[in-house]
């Protein structure tokens, strides 16, 4: 995954955690606008989320942040 997208994932997780607390969940769609302007990045994120890590549709933001930071 591109470093710039990893940074965006961490930023989004931090914002969600700050706004709603440590128990907040999110899906990989949380990292994208409603308009799909970057289908390649969306597919990369979906593959990382679904195929590589076999995550549920919604996961805790703290879990995702930790996983991204460790990669």
N, C-alpha and C. Protein backbone atom coordinates (compact mmCIF):
# COMPACT_ATOMS: atom_id res chain seq x y z
N UNK A 1 0.83 -1.17 0.00
CA UNK A 1 0.00 0.00 0.00
C UNK A 1 0.89 1.25 0.00
N UNK A 2 0.47 2.25 -0.73
CA UNK A 2 1.25 3.47 -0.85
C UNK A 2 1.36 4.19 0.49
N UNK A 3 2.53 4.74 0.80
CA UNK A 3 2.71 5.47 2.06
C UNK A 3 1.71 6.61 2.23
N UNK A 4 1.36 7.28 1.15
CA UNK A 4 0.41 8.39 1.27
C UNK A 4 -0.98 7.89 1.67
N UNK A 5 -1.37 6.71 1.19
CA UNK A 5 -2.67 6.16 1.58
C UNK A 5 -2.63 5.64 3.01
N UNK A 6 -1.51 5.05 3.40
CA UNK A 6 -1.36 4.62 4.79
C UNK A 6 -1.52 5.81 5.73
N UNK A 7 -0.89 6.92 5.38
CA UNK A 7 -0.99 8.13 6.20
C UNK A 7 -2.44 8.61 6.28
N UNK A 8 -3.15 8.53 5.16
CA UNK A 8 -4.56 8.94 5.14
C UNK A 8 -5.38 8.02 6.03
N UNK A 9 -5.12 6.72 5.99
CA UNK A 9 -5.85 5.78 6.83
C UNK A 9 -5.65 6.11 8.31
N UNK A 10 -4.41 6.38 8.68
CA UNK A 10 -4.12 6.72 10.08
C UNK A 10 -4.82 8.02 10.46
N UNK A 11 -4.78 9.00 9.58
CA UNK A 11 -5.44 10.29 9.83
C UNK A 11 -6.94 10.11 10.04
N UNK A 12 -7.58 9.33 9.18
CA UNK A 12 -9.02 9.09 9.30
C UNK A 12 -9.33 8.35 10.60
N UNK A 13 -8.54 7.34 10.92
CA UNK A 13 -8.74 6.61 12.18
C UNK A 13 -8.61 7.54 13.37
N UNK A 14 -7.59 8.37 13.38
CA UNK A 14 -7.40 9.32 14.48
C UNK A 14 -8.59 10.25 14.61
N UNK A 15 -9.09 10.76 13.49
CA UNK A 15 -10.23 11.67 13.53
C UNK A 15 -11.48 10.98 14.07
N UNK A 16 -11.73 9.76 13.61
CA UNK A 16 -12.90 9.01 14.08
C UNK A 16 -12.80 8.70 15.57
N UNK A 17 -11.61 8.30 16.02
CA UNK A 17 -11.39 7.98 17.43
C UNK A 17 -11.58 9.24 18.28
N UNK A 18 -11.04 10.35 17.83
CA UNK A 18 -11.16 11.61 18.56
C UNK A 18 -12.62 12.04 18.67
N UNK A 19 -13.38 11.87 17.59
CA UNK A 19 -14.77 12.30 17.56
C UNK A 19 -15.71 11.37 18.32
N UNK A 20 -15.44 10.05 18.26
CA UNK A 20 -16.42 9.10 18.78
C UNK A 20 -15.87 8.12 19.82
N UNK A 21 -14.57 8.19 20.12
CA UNK A 21 -14.01 7.33 21.15
C UNK A 21 -13.37 6.07 20.60
N UNK A 22 -12.72 5.34 21.50
CA UNK A 22 -11.96 4.15 21.13
C UNK A 22 -12.80 3.00 20.59
N UNK A 23 -14.09 3.04 20.81
CA UNK A 23 -14.94 1.93 20.40
C UNK A 23 -15.54 2.11 19.01
N UNK A 24 -15.18 3.18 18.32
CA UNK A 24 -15.77 3.47 17.02
C UNK A 24 -15.30 2.47 15.96
N UNK A 25 -16.25 2.05 15.14
CA UNK A 25 -15.94 1.15 14.04
C UNK A 25 -15.99 1.88 12.71
N UNK A 26 -15.35 1.29 11.72
CA UNK A 26 -15.38 1.85 10.38
C UNK A 26 -15.15 0.76 9.36
N UNK A 27 -15.51 1.07 8.12
CA UNK A 27 -15.24 0.15 7.01
C UNK A 27 -14.19 0.79 6.12
N UNK A 28 -13.70 0.05 5.14
CA UNK A 28 -12.67 0.62 4.27
C UNK A 28 -13.22 1.77 3.43
N UNK A 29 -14.53 1.86 3.32
CA UNK A 29 -15.12 2.98 2.59
C UNK A 29 -14.91 4.31 3.31
N UNK A 30 -14.60 4.28 4.60
CA UNK A 30 -14.39 5.51 5.38
C UNK A 30 -13.22 6.33 4.85
N UNK A 31 -12.35 5.73 4.08
CA UNK A 31 -11.15 6.41 3.58
C UNK A 31 -11.35 7.05 2.21
N UNK A 32 -12.60 7.03 1.72
CA UNK A 32 -12.89 7.53 0.38
C UNK A 32 -14.09 8.46 0.39
N UNK A 33 -14.10 9.40 -0.55
CA UNK A 33 -15.25 10.28 -0.75
C UNK A 33 -16.35 9.47 -1.44
N UNK A 34 -17.54 10.00 -1.46
CA UNK A 34 -18.65 9.30 -2.11
C UNK A 34 -18.42 9.11 -3.60
N UNK A 35 -17.68 10.03 -4.23
CA UNK A 35 -17.33 9.86 -5.64
C UNK A 35 -16.08 8.99 -5.72
N UNK A 36 -16.15 7.98 -6.53
CA UNK A 36 -15.01 7.08 -6.67
C UNK A 36 -14.05 7.61 -7.73
N UNK A 37 -13.17 8.49 -7.31
CA UNK A 37 -12.22 9.12 -8.24
C UNK A 37 -10.93 8.33 -8.39
N UNK A 38 -10.68 7.40 -7.48
CA UNK A 38 -9.45 6.61 -7.53
C UNK A 38 -9.78 5.12 -7.38
N UNK A 39 -10.34 4.50 -8.42
CA UNK A 39 -10.74 3.10 -8.31
C UNK A 39 -9.57 2.16 -8.01
N UNK A 40 -8.38 2.48 -8.47
CA UNK A 40 -7.23 1.61 -8.19
C UNK A 40 -6.91 1.58 -6.70
N UNK A 41 -6.98 2.74 -6.06
CA UNK A 41 -6.69 2.81 -4.63
C UNK A 41 -7.81 2.13 -3.84
N UNK A 42 -9.04 2.32 -4.28
CA UNK A 42 -10.17 1.66 -3.63
C UNK A 42 -10.01 0.15 -3.69
N UNK A 43 -9.63 -0.38 -4.84
CA UNK A 43 -9.44 -1.82 -4.97
C UNK A 43 -8.27 -2.32 -4.13
N UNK A 44 -7.21 -1.52 -4.05
CA UNK A 44 -6.07 -1.88 -3.21
C UNK A 44 -6.50 -1.96 -1.75
N UNK A 45 -7.28 -0.97 -1.30
CA UNK A 45 -7.76 -0.96 0.08
C UNK A 45 -8.70 -2.14 0.33
N UNK A 46 -9.58 -2.41 -0.62
CA UNK A 46 -10.51 -3.53 -0.47
C UNK A 46 -9.76 -4.86 -0.41
N UNK A 47 -8.76 -5.02 -1.23
CA UNK A 47 -7.96 -6.24 -1.22
C UNK A 47 -7.23 -6.39 0.11
N UNK A 48 -6.63 -5.31 0.60
CA UNK A 48 -5.93 -5.33 1.89
C UNK A 48 -6.90 -5.71 3.00
N UNK A 49 -8.08 -5.12 2.98
CA UNK A 49 -9.08 -5.30 4.05
C UNK A 49 -9.73 -6.68 3.99
N UNK A 50 -10.19 -7.06 2.80
CA UNK A 50 -11.00 -8.27 2.67
C UNK A 50 -10.17 -9.52 2.39
N UNK A 51 -9.33 -9.45 1.39
CA UNK A 51 -8.61 -10.64 0.96
C UNK A 51 -7.38 -10.93 1.81
N UNK A 52 -6.57 -9.90 2.05
CA UNK A 52 -5.32 -10.11 2.79
C UNK A 52 -5.56 -10.38 4.26
N UNK A 53 -6.39 -9.54 4.90
CA UNK A 53 -6.58 -9.64 6.35
C UNK A 53 -7.90 -10.26 6.78
N UNK A 54 -8.78 -10.52 5.83
CA UNK A 54 -10.07 -11.15 6.10
C UNK A 54 -10.82 -10.47 7.25
N UNK A 55 -10.88 -9.15 7.18
CA UNK A 55 -11.56 -8.37 8.20
C UNK A 55 -13.06 -8.33 7.93
N UNK A 56 -13.83 -8.12 8.99
CA UNK A 56 -15.27 -7.93 8.86
C UNK A 56 -15.54 -6.60 8.18
N UNK A 57 -16.78 -6.39 7.78
CA UNK A 57 -17.12 -5.14 7.10
C UNK A 57 -16.78 -3.94 7.99
N UNK A 58 -17.16 -3.99 9.27
CA UNK A 58 -16.82 -2.94 10.22
C UNK A 58 -15.81 -3.48 11.22
N UNK A 59 -14.77 -2.70 11.44
CA UNK A 59 -13.73 -3.03 12.43
C UNK A 59 -13.46 -1.79 13.27
N UNK A 60 -12.91 -2.00 14.45
CA UNK A 60 -12.56 -0.89 15.32
C UNK A 60 -11.45 -0.06 14.69
N UNK A 61 -11.60 1.25 14.74
CA UNK A 61 -10.61 2.15 14.16
C UNK A 61 -9.24 1.97 14.82
N UNK A 62 -9.22 1.70 16.13
CA UNK A 62 -7.93 1.51 16.81
C UNK A 62 -7.22 0.27 16.28
N UNK A 63 -7.97 -0.77 15.94
CA UNK A 63 -7.39 -1.99 15.38
C UNK A 63 -6.78 -1.72 14.00
N UNK A 64 -7.53 -1.01 13.16
CA UNK A 64 -7.04 -0.70 11.82
C UNK A 64 -5.81 0.18 11.89
N UNK A 65 -5.85 1.19 12.73
CA UNK A 65 -4.70 2.09 12.88
C UNK A 65 -3.45 1.30 13.28
N UNK A 66 -3.58 0.42 14.24
CA UNK A 66 -2.45 -0.39 14.70
C UNK A 66 -1.93 -1.28 13.57
N UNK A 67 -2.82 -1.90 12.82
CA UNK A 67 -2.41 -2.78 11.72
C UNK A 67 -1.65 -1.99 10.66
N UNK A 68 -2.15 -0.81 10.31
CA UNK A 68 -1.51 0.01 9.28
C UNK A 68 -0.12 0.47 9.76
N UNK A 69 -0.05 0.87 11.02
CA UNK A 69 1.25 1.35 11.57
C UNK A 69 2.29 0.22 11.61
N UNK A 70 1.86 -1.02 11.76
CA UNK A 70 2.79 -2.14 11.85
C UNK A 70 3.25 -2.64 10.49
N UNK A 71 2.62 -2.20 9.43
CA UNK A 71 3.03 -2.66 8.08
C UNK A 71 4.14 -1.82 7.54
